[in-house]
Amino acid sequence: MALNNVRPACGSVKHTKRVGRGQGSGMGKTSTRGGKGQTARTGYKQKRGFEGGQQPLQRRLPKVGFKSRTKGLVYAINVAKHKEIFELETLSLELIKKVHPFPSYIEKVKLIGAGAKELVSRVQDERIRTSGQK
């Protein structure tokens, strides 16, 4: 069996449309662009979602879903400025909140600044990180 005759199946590959090659081709003169107007000109580019002046579908439908901008935010506390945090025996989110108030939507806290590395051993809550931890 000769492998040099390997071709695609008949009809599976279409020839590219060659426009502007004379009237006899059926795609001459206007080159399948129709008559006059904006779309017949070179450089015409239709905006994504454009529907001929009708309100586009993506603007007709209501907005769906919500993604919170505050979820997952890490609140940083400079322990060098808040000495009361050093006086706490154990560090949990609730105890830090009593000493240093922060917004209720905050779920994670990072302790930064001079002396933050020494507080690693006192951390009892996985929601609290220090600059000494990885």
N, C-alpha and C. Protein backbone atom coordinates (compact mmCIF):
# COMPACT_ATOMS: atom_id res chain seq x y z
N MET A 1 0.85 -1.19 0.00
CA MET A 1 0.00 0.00 0.00
C MET A 1 0.89 1.24 0.00
N ALA A 2 0.66 2.13 -0.94
CA ALA A 2 1.49 3.32 -1.08
C ALA A 2 0.95 4.43 -0.17
N LEU A 3 1.84 5.04 0.62
CA LEU A 3 1.44 6.09 1.54
C LEU A 3 1.50 7.48 0.91
N ASN A 4 1.99 7.58 -0.31
CA ASN A 4 2.10 8.89 -0.92
C ASN A 4 0.76 9.39 -1.49
N ASN A 5 -0.27 8.55 -1.49
CA ASN A 5 -1.59 8.95 -1.97
C ASN A 5 -2.54 9.33 -0.83
N VAL A 6 -2.02 9.60 0.37
CA VAL A 6 -2.88 9.92 1.51
C VAL A 6 -3.43 11.32 1.35
N ARG A 7 -4.73 11.42 1.22
CA ARG A 7 -5.41 12.70 1.06
C ARG A 7 -6.65 12.70 1.94
N PRO A 8 -7.17 13.90 2.24
CA PRO A 8 -8.43 13.95 3.01
C PRO A 8 -9.56 13.35 2.18
N ALA A 9 -10.60 12.86 2.86
CA ALA A 9 -11.75 12.28 2.19
C ALA A 9 -12.40 13.31 1.29
N CYS A 10 -12.99 12.86 0.23
CA CYS A 10 -13.61 13.75 -0.75
C CYS A 10 -14.75 14.54 -0.09
N GLY A 11 -14.68 15.87 -0.19
CA GLY A 11 -15.71 16.73 0.38
C GLY A 11 -15.44 17.17 1.81
N SER A 12 -14.41 16.61 2.44
CA SER A 12 -14.13 16.98 3.83
C SER A 12 -13.37 18.29 3.94
N VAL A 13 -12.64 18.65 2.90
CA VAL A 13 -11.88 19.89 2.90
C VAL A 13 -12.46 20.82 1.85
N LYS A 14 -12.85 22.02 2.30
CA LYS A 14 -13.44 22.99 1.37
C LYS A 14 -12.38 23.97 0.91
N HIS A 15 -12.54 24.45 -0.33
CA HIS A 15 -11.64 25.47 -0.84
C HIS A 15 -12.00 26.81 -0.22
N THR A 16 -11.00 27.66 -0.03
CA THR A 16 -11.27 28.98 0.53
C THR A 16 -12.01 29.83 -0.48
N LYS A 17 -12.88 30.69 0.01
CA LYS A 17 -13.67 31.58 -0.84
C LYS A 17 -12.75 32.67 -1.39
N ARG A 18 -12.64 32.75 -2.72
CA ARG A 18 -11.80 33.77 -3.34
C ARG A 18 -12.72 34.85 -3.88
N VAL A 19 -12.71 36.00 -3.21
CA VAL A 19 -13.62 37.08 -3.59
C VAL A 19 -12.89 38.11 -4.44
N GLY A 20 -13.69 38.85 -5.21
CA GLY A 20 -13.11 39.92 -6.03
C GLY A 20 -12.33 39.41 -7.22
N ARG A 21 -12.75 38.29 -7.82
CA ARG A 21 -12.04 37.72 -8.96
C ARG A 21 -12.92 37.71 -10.21
N GLY A 22 -13.70 38.76 -10.39
CA GLY A 22 -14.50 38.90 -11.60
C GLY A 22 -15.94 38.45 -11.44
N GLN A 23 -16.79 38.93 -12.36
CA GLN A 23 -18.22 38.64 -12.29
C GLN A 23 -18.53 37.17 -12.45
N GLY A 24 -17.75 36.48 -13.24
CA GLY A 24 -18.03 35.06 -13.51
C GLY A 24 -17.92 34.20 -12.26
N SER A 25 -17.17 34.64 -11.26
CA SER A 25 -17.00 33.84 -10.04
C SER A 25 -18.24 33.91 -9.15
N GLY A 26 -19.08 34.90 -9.40
CA GLY A 26 -20.26 35.09 -8.53
C GLY A 26 -19.92 35.89 -7.29
N MET A 27 -18.65 36.19 -7.14
CA MET A 27 -18.20 36.97 -5.97
C MET A 27 -17.33 38.12 -6.43
N GLY A 28 -17.70 38.70 -7.57
CA GLY A 28 -16.94 39.82 -8.09
C GLY A 28 -17.58 41.14 -7.68
N LYS A 29 -17.20 42.21 -8.34
CA LYS A 29 -17.70 43.57 -8.11
C LYS A 29 -17.64 43.98 -6.65
N THR A 30 -18.67 43.70 -5.89
CA THR A 30 -18.68 44.15 -4.48
C THR A 30 -17.98 43.16 -3.55
N SER A 31 -17.54 42.06 -4.05
CA SER A 31 -16.80 41.04 -3.27
C SER A 31 -17.59 40.58 -2.05
N THR A 32 -18.82 40.22 -2.24
CA THR A 32 -19.75 39.68 -1.22
C THR A 32 -20.05 40.66 -0.10
N ARG A 33 -19.74 41.95 -0.30
CA ARG A 33 -20.00 42.93 0.76
C ARG A 33 -21.35 43.61 0.61
N GLY A 34 -22.08 43.31 -0.45
CA GLY A 34 -23.38 43.95 -0.65
C GLY A 34 -23.20 45.31 -1.29
N GLY A 35 -24.19 46.17 -1.10
CA GLY A 35 -24.17 47.49 -1.72
C GLY A 35 -23.33 48.47 -0.95
N LYS A 36 -23.84 49.72 -0.90
CA LYS A 36 -23.08 50.77 -0.21
C LYS A 36 -23.29 50.68 1.31
N GLY A 37 -22.66 51.56 2.00
CA GLY A 37 -22.88 51.65 3.44
C GLY A 37 -21.65 51.35 4.25
N GLN A 38 -21.82 51.43 5.56
CA GLN A 38 -20.70 51.29 6.49
C GLN A 38 -20.01 49.94 6.35
N THR A 39 -20.78 48.87 6.20
CA THR A 39 -20.18 47.54 6.16
C THR A 39 -19.44 47.26 4.86
N ALA A 40 -19.71 48.04 3.81
CA ALA A 40 -19.04 47.84 2.53
C ALA A 40 -17.65 48.48 2.52
N ARG A 41 -17.37 49.33 3.47
CA ARG A 41 -16.10 50.07 3.48
C ARG A 41 -14.97 49.24 4.12
N THR A 42 -13.75 49.59 3.75
CA THR A 42 -12.61 48.93 4.39
C THR A 42 -12.43 49.52 5.79
N GLY A 43 -11.92 48.73 6.67
CA GLY A 43 -11.67 49.20 8.03
C GLY A 43 -12.88 49.14 8.93
N TYR A 44 -14.00 48.65 8.41
CA TYR A 44 -15.21 48.55 9.25
C TYR A 44 -15.02 47.44 10.27
N LYS A 45 -15.35 47.76 11.50
CA LYS A 45 -15.27 46.75 12.57
C LYS A 45 -16.48 46.91 13.46
N GLN A 46 -17.24 45.84 13.56
CA GLN A 46 -18.45 45.89 14.38
C GLN A 46 -18.07 45.60 15.83
N LYS A 47 -18.64 46.37 16.76
CA LYS A 47 -18.35 46.14 18.17
C LYS A 47 -18.95 44.83 18.64
N ARG A 48 -18.30 44.19 19.59
CA ARG A 48 -18.78 42.94 20.13
C ARG A 48 -20.16 43.14 20.77
N GLY A 49 -21.10 42.33 20.36
CA GLY A 49 -22.45 42.42 20.93
C GLY A 49 -23.35 43.41 20.23
N PHE A 50 -22.86 44.08 19.18
CA PHE A 50 -23.66 45.08 18.47
C PHE A 50 -24.81 44.40 17.73
N GLU A 51 -26.01 44.97 17.86
CA GLU A 51 -27.20 44.38 17.26
C GLU A 51 -27.92 45.37 16.37
N GLY A 52 -27.17 46.13 15.60
CA GLY A 52 -27.78 47.03 14.64
C GLY A 52 -28.56 48.17 15.26
N GLY A 53 -28.17 48.64 16.40
CA GLY A 53 -28.86 49.74 17.06
C GLY A 53 -29.84 49.27 18.12
N GLN A 54 -30.28 48.02 18.02
CA GLN A 54 -31.14 47.45 19.06
C GLN A 54 -30.31 47.28 20.34
N GLN A 55 -30.96 47.41 21.47
CA GLN A 55 -30.25 47.25 22.75
C GLN A 55 -29.64 45.85 22.81
N PRO A 56 -28.32 45.72 22.97
CA PRO A 56 -27.67 44.40 22.99
C PRO A 56 -28.18 43.52 24.12
N LEU A 57 -28.12 42.22 23.88
CA LEU A 57 -28.64 41.25 24.83
C LEU A 57 -27.99 41.39 26.20
N GLN A 58 -26.67 41.59 26.23
CA GLN A 58 -25.98 41.67 27.52
C GLN A 58 -26.38 42.91 28.31
N ARG A 59 -26.98 43.92 27.65
CA ARG A 59 -27.46 45.10 28.36
C ARG A 59 -28.94 44.99 28.69
N ARG A 60 -29.65 44.10 27.97
CA ARG A 60 -31.07 43.91 28.24
C ARG A 60 -31.30 43.02 29.45
N LEU A 61 -30.40 42.08 29.67
CA LEU A 61 -30.58 41.13 30.77
C LEU A 61 -30.09 41.74 32.08
N PRO A 62 -30.69 41.35 33.21
CA PRO A 62 -30.25 41.89 34.49
C PRO A 62 -28.90 41.33 34.92
N LYS A 63 -28.24 42.07 35.77
CA LYS A 63 -26.97 41.59 36.32
C LYS A 63 -27.27 40.44 37.28
N VAL A 64 -26.40 39.44 37.28
CA VAL A 64 -26.62 38.26 38.12
C VAL A 64 -25.36 38.00 38.92
N GLY A 65 -25.55 37.63 40.17
CA GLY A 65 -24.41 37.23 40.99
C GLY A 65 -23.80 38.39 41.76
N PHE A 66 -23.00 38.03 42.73
CA PHE A 66 -22.34 39.01 43.58
C PHE A 66 -21.05 38.41 44.09
N LYS A 67 -19.99 39.19 44.04
CA LYS A 67 -18.71 38.75 44.59
C LYS A 67 -18.26 39.82 45.56
N SER A 68 -18.14 39.43 46.80
CA SER A 68 -17.79 40.37 47.84
C SER A 68 -16.35 40.85 47.68
N ARG A 69 -16.16 42.14 47.82
CA ARG A 69 -14.81 42.70 47.75
C ARG A 69 -14.09 42.59 49.09
N THR A 70 -14.84 42.34 50.14
CA THR A 70 -14.24 42.30 51.46
C THR A 70 -13.89 40.89 51.90
N LYS A 71 -14.49 39.87 51.28
CA LYS A 71 -14.23 38.50 51.71
C LYS A 71 -12.79 38.12 51.41
N GLY A 72 -12.12 37.57 52.37
CA GLY A 72 -10.74 37.15 52.18
C GLY A 72 -9.72 38.24 52.44
N LEU A 73 -10.18 39.42 52.83
CA LEU A 73 -9.24 40.50 53.13
C LEU A 73 -8.46 40.17 54.40
N VAL A 74 -7.19 40.46 54.38
CA VAL A 74 -6.35 40.25 55.55
C VAL A 74 -6.09 41.62 56.17
N TYR A 75 -6.41 41.75 57.44
CA TYR A 75 -6.27 43.01 58.17
C TYR A 75 -4.91 43.01 58.85
N ALA A 76 -4.09 44.00 58.56
CA ALA A 76 -2.75 44.07 59.13
C ALA A 76 -2.75 44.98 60.36
N ILE A 77 -2.12 44.50 61.43
CA ILE A 77 -1.99 45.29 62.66
C ILE A 77 -0.51 45.41 62.98
N ASN A 78 -0.04 46.64 63.12
CA ASN A 78 1.35 46.88 63.49
C ASN A 78 1.45 46.77 65.02
N VAL A 79 2.07 45.69 65.48
CA VAL A 79 2.14 45.45 66.93
C VAL A 79 3.07 46.42 67.63
N ALA A 80 3.95 47.06 66.89
CA ALA A 80 4.83 48.06 67.50
C ALA A 80 4.03 49.27 67.96
N LYS A 81 2.92 49.56 67.29
CA LYS A 81 2.07 50.69 67.65
C LYS A 81 1.01 50.32 68.68
N HIS A 82 0.74 49.02 68.84
CA HIS A 82 -0.31 48.56 69.77
C HIS A 82 0.33 47.61 70.79
N LYS A 83 0.82 48.18 71.85
CA LYS A 83 1.55 47.40 72.88
C LYS A 83 0.62 46.46 73.66
N GLU A 84 -0.70 46.73 73.63
CA GLU A 84 -1.65 45.90 74.38
C GLU A 84 -1.66 44.45 73.87
N ILE A 85 -1.34 44.27 72.60
CA ILE A 85 -1.33 42.92 72.02
C ILE A 85 -0.21 42.08 72.65
N PHE A 86 0.91 42.72 73.02
CA PHE A 86 2.01 41.99 73.67
C PHE A 86 1.61 41.47 75.05
N GLU A 87 0.66 42.16 75.71
CA GLU A 87 0.25 41.77 77.06
C GLU A 87 -0.69 40.57 77.07
N LEU A 88 -1.28 40.21 75.93
CA LEU A 88 -2.18 39.06 75.86
C LEU A 88 -1.38 37.76 75.97
N GLU A 89 -1.90 36.81 76.79
CA GLU A 89 -1.21 35.54 76.98
C GLU A 89 -1.34 34.65 75.74
N THR A 90 -2.58 34.56 75.20
CA THR A 90 -2.82 33.82 73.97
C THR A 90 -3.43 34.77 72.95
N LEU A 91 -3.20 34.47 71.69
CA LEU A 91 -3.71 35.34 70.64
C LEU A 91 -4.82 34.63 69.86
N SER A 92 -6.02 35.15 69.97
CA SER A 92 -7.14 34.68 69.16
C SER A 92 -7.80 35.92 68.56
N LEU A 93 -8.60 35.70 67.55
CA LEU A 93 -9.23 36.81 66.84
C LEU A 93 -10.12 37.64 67.76
N GLU A 94 -10.83 36.97 68.65
CA GLU A 94 -11.74 37.66 69.57
C GLU A 94 -10.97 38.52 70.58
N LEU A 95 -9.86 37.98 71.11
CA LEU A 95 -9.08 38.74 72.09
C LEU A 95 -8.41 39.95 71.46
N ILE A 96 -7.92 39.79 70.24
CA ILE A 96 -7.30 40.93 69.55
C ILE A 96 -8.34 41.99 69.25
N LYS A 97 -9.56 41.55 68.93
CA LYS A 97 -10.63 42.50 68.61
C LYS A 97 -11.01 43.35 69.82
N LYS A 98 -10.89 42.78 71.03
CA LYS A 98 -11.19 43.55 72.25
C LYS A 98 -10.14 44.63 72.48
N VAL A 99 -8.90 44.28 72.17
CA VAL A 99 -7.79 45.21 72.38
C VAL A 99 -7.70 46.25 71.26
N HIS A 100 -7.85 45.78 70.04
CA HIS A 100 -7.73 46.65 68.86
C HIS A 100 -8.95 46.43 67.96
N PRO A 101 -9.99 47.27 68.03
CA PRO A 101 -11.19 47.05 67.23
C PRO A 101 -10.92 47.17 65.72
N PHE A 102 -11.52 46.28 64.95
CA PHE A 102 -11.46 46.34 63.49
C PHE A 102 -12.81 45.90 62.94
N PRO A 103 -13.08 46.15 61.66
CA PRO A 103 -14.41 45.86 61.09
C PRO A 103 -14.84 44.40 61.25
N SER A 104 -16.14 44.19 61.34
CA SER A 104 -16.69 42.86 61.59
C SER A 104 -16.51 41.90 60.41
N TYR A 105 -16.37 42.44 59.19
CA TYR A 105 -16.24 41.57 58.02
C TYR A 105 -14.84 40.97 57.88
N ILE A 106 -13.89 41.43 58.68
CA ILE A 106 -12.52 40.91 58.62
C ILE A 106 -12.49 39.51 59.20
N GLU A 107 -11.93 38.56 58.42
CA GLU A 107 -11.85 37.17 58.85
C GLU A 107 -10.43 36.72 59.19
N LYS A 108 -9.44 37.46 58.69
CA LYS A 108 -8.05 37.09 58.93
C LYS A 108 -7.26 38.31 59.35
N VAL A 109 -6.28 38.09 60.24
CA VAL A 109 -5.45 39.18 60.75
C VAL A 109 -3.98 38.79 60.58
N LYS A 110 -3.17 39.78 60.20
CA LYS A 110 -1.73 39.55 60.13
C LYS A 110 -1.06 40.56 61.05
N LEU A 111 -0.22 40.05 61.93
CA LEU A 111 0.52 40.90 62.87
C LEU A 111 1.88 41.21 62.26
N ILE A 112 2.15 42.50 62.11
CA ILE A 112 3.39 42.93 61.49
C ILE A 112 4.12 43.88 62.43
N GLY A 113 5.32 44.26 62.05
CA GLY A 113 6.09 45.24 62.82
C GLY A 113 7.12 44.59 63.72
N ALA A 114 7.85 45.46 64.43
CA ALA A 114 8.90 44.99 65.32
C ALA A 114 8.30 44.20 66.48
N GLY A 115 8.78 42.99 66.69
CA GLY A 115 8.29 42.16 67.77
C GLY A 115 7.21 41.18 67.36
N ALA A 116 6.78 41.21 66.12
CA ALA A 116 5.72 40.30 65.66
C ALA A 116 6.20 38.85 65.63
N LYS A 117 7.48 38.66 65.37
CA LYS A 117 8.03 37.30 65.30
C LYS A 117 8.00 36.60 66.65
N GLU A 118 8.08 37.38 67.73
CA GLU A 118 8.07 36.78 69.08
C GLU A 118 6.68 36.29 69.48
N LEU A 119 5.63 36.73 68.77
CA LEU A 119 4.26 36.35 69.11
C LEU A 119 3.82 35.04 68.47
N VAL A 120 4.68 34.43 67.66
CA VAL A 120 4.31 33.21 66.94
C VAL A 120 3.89 32.10 67.89
N SER A 121 4.58 31.94 68.99
CA SER A 121 4.28 30.86 69.93
C SER A 121 2.95 31.06 70.65
N ARG A 122 2.44 32.28 70.73
CA ARG A 122 1.19 32.56 71.44
C ARG A 122 -0.06 32.46 70.56
N VAL A 123 0.13 32.30 69.26
CA VAL A 123 -1.02 32.27 68.34
C VAL A 123 -1.79 30.96 68.53
N GLN A 124 -3.10 31.08 68.84
CA GLN A 124 -3.97 29.92 69.05
C GLN A 124 -4.98 29.74 67.91
N ASP A 125 -5.08 30.73 67.05
CA ASP A 125 -6.11 30.76 66.01
C ASP A 125 -5.45 30.69 64.64
N GLU A 126 -5.97 29.81 63.75
CA GLU A 126 -5.38 29.70 62.41
C GLU A 126 -5.70 30.90 61.53
N ARG A 127 -6.60 31.76 62.00
CA ARG A 127 -6.93 32.97 61.24
C ARG A 127 -5.94 34.12 61.50
N ILE A 128 -4.99 33.87 62.39
CA ILE A 128 -3.98 34.88 62.73
C ILE A 128 -2.63 34.43 62.20
N ARG A 129 -1.95 35.33 61.49
CA ARG A 129 -0.61 35.07 60.99
C ARG A 129 0.30 36.17 61.52
N THR A 130 1.57 35.86 61.61
CA THR A 130 2.55 36.88 61.99
C THR A 130 3.59 36.96 60.88
N SER A 131 4.35 38.04 60.89
CA SER A 131 5.34 38.23 59.84
C SER A 131 6.46 37.19 59.96
N GLY A 132 6.56 36.50 61.07
CA GLY A 132 7.57 35.46 61.25
C GLY A 132 7.16 34.11 60.69
N GLN A 133 5.85 33.94 60.42
CA GLN A 133 5.36 32.66 59.91
C GLN A 133 5.46 32.59 58.40
N LYS A 134 5.45 31.36 57.86
CA LYS A 134 5.45 31.18 56.40
C LYS A 134 4.09 30.71 55.98
